[in-house]
Amino acid sequence: MIVVDKAIDAKDYQRVEKLCREAIEKKMRGYFNRSAPWAYYLEKIYTETGKKDELTDIVLYILFQSDTAYFKKLKKAV
């Protein structure tokens, strides 16, 4: 997570995306044994870069991880 935070600070979004996608695929867990932290990073960079299709996909993923607070973000993304 520290590497991802540093890459976000450096605006190295390709590296952030690669690291987060790998973590999600390997089912690496973050705080409280949740996989969603990686998805939150992706949601942040997709919002900043304006990638609407990717943003919609990752918000749906977050919703399926039981974070219902993202329903409003899904409506904005669509």
Protein backbone atom coordinates (compact mmCIF):
# COMPACT_ATOMS: atom_id res chain seq x y z
CA MET A 1 0.00 0.00 0.00
CA ILE A 2 2.93 2.31 0.67
CA VAL A 3 4.23 1.81 -2.87
CA VAL A 4 0.78 2.56 -4.29
CA ASP A 5 0.49 5.73 -2.18
CA LYS A 6 3.88 6.93 -3.43
CA ALA A 7 2.94 6.18 -7.04
CA ILE A 8 -0.29 8.16 -6.63
CA ASP A 9 1.66 11.09 -5.21
CA ALA A 10 3.97 10.91 -8.24
CA LYS A 11 0.91 10.66 -10.53
CA ASP A 12 2.27 7.38 -11.93
CA TYR A 13 -1.23 6.10 -12.63
CA GLN A 14 -0.15 3.25 -14.89
CA ARG A 15 1.92 1.77 -12.07
CA VAL A 16 -0.91 2.23 -9.58
CA GLU A 17 -3.33 0.48 -11.90
CA LYS A 18 -0.92 -2.40 -12.50
CA LEU A 19 -0.19 -2.91 -8.80
CA CYS A 20 -3.84 -2.72 -7.78
CA ARG A 21 -5.01 -5.08 -10.52
CA GLU A 22 -2.35 -7.60 -9.47
CA ALA A 23 -3.41 -7.33 -5.83
CA ILE A 24 -7.07 -7.84 -6.72
CA GLU A 25 -6.25 -10.86 -8.91
CA LYS A 26 -4.13 -12.41 -6.15
CA LYS A 27 -6.90 -11.64 -3.67
CA MET A 28 -4.46 -9.77 -1.45
CA ARG A 29 -6.21 -8.41 1.60
CA GLY A 30 -5.90 -4.96 3.07
CA TYR A 31 -7.07 -3.60 6.35
CA PHE A 32 -9.72 -5.64 8.15
CA ASN A 33 -9.08 -8.50 5.69
CA ARG A 34 -10.88 -6.71 2.84
CA SER A 35 -9.85 -6.75 -0.81
CA ALA A 36 -11.55 -3.45 -1.51
CA PRO A 37 -8.66 -1.07 -0.62
CA TRP A 38 -7.13 -1.82 -4.01
CA ALA A 39 -10.43 -1.04 -5.69
CA TYR A 40 -10.63 2.28 -3.83
CA TYR A 41 -7.23 3.23 -5.20
CA LEU A 42 -8.42 2.38 -8.71
CA GLU A 43 -11.62 4.35 -8.20
CA LYS A 44 -9.55 7.35 -7.16
CA ILE A 45 -7.24 7.29 -10.17
CA TYR A 46 -10.06 6.61 -12.64
CA THR A 47 -11.96 9.58 -11.23
CA GLU A 48 -8.88 11.80 -11.52
CA THR A 49 -8.09 10.68 -15.07
CA GLY A 50 -11.67 10.67 -16.34
CA LYS A 51 -11.73 7.01 -17.42
CA LYS A 52 -15.50 6.53 -17.28
CA ASP A 53 -15.75 2.89 -18.43
CA GLU A 54 -13.09 1.73 -16.00
CA LEU A 55 -14.66 3.86 -13.25
CA THR A 56 -18.05 2.23 -13.78
CA ASP A 57 -16.49 -1.25 -13.64
CA ILE A 58 -14.56 -0.60 -10.45
CA VAL A 59 -17.50 1.07 -8.71
CA LEU A 60 -19.59 -2.01 -9.50
CA TYR A 61 -16.82 -4.17 -8.08
CA ILE A 62 -16.81 -2.10 -4.88
CA LEU A 63 -20.58 -2.40 -4.64
CA PHE A 64 -20.33 -6.18 -4.96
CA GLN A 65 -17.86 -6.08 -2.08
CA SER A 66 -20.79 -4.82 0.04
CA ASP A 67 -19.90 -1.12 0.18
CA THR A 68 -23.31 0.36 -0.54
CA ALA A 69 -22.02 3.92 -0.08
CA TYR A 70 -20.94 3.74 -3.72
CA PHE A 71 -24.45 3.69 -5.19
CA LYS A 72 -24.28 7.50 -5.61
CA LYS A 73 -20.90 7.24 -7.34
CA LEU A 74 -22.32 4.62 -9.70
CA LYS A 75 -25.13 6.97 -10.68
CA LYS A 76 -22.59 9.72 -11.41
CA ALA A 77 -20.36 7.36 -13.38
CA VAL A 78 -23.15 6.15 -15.65
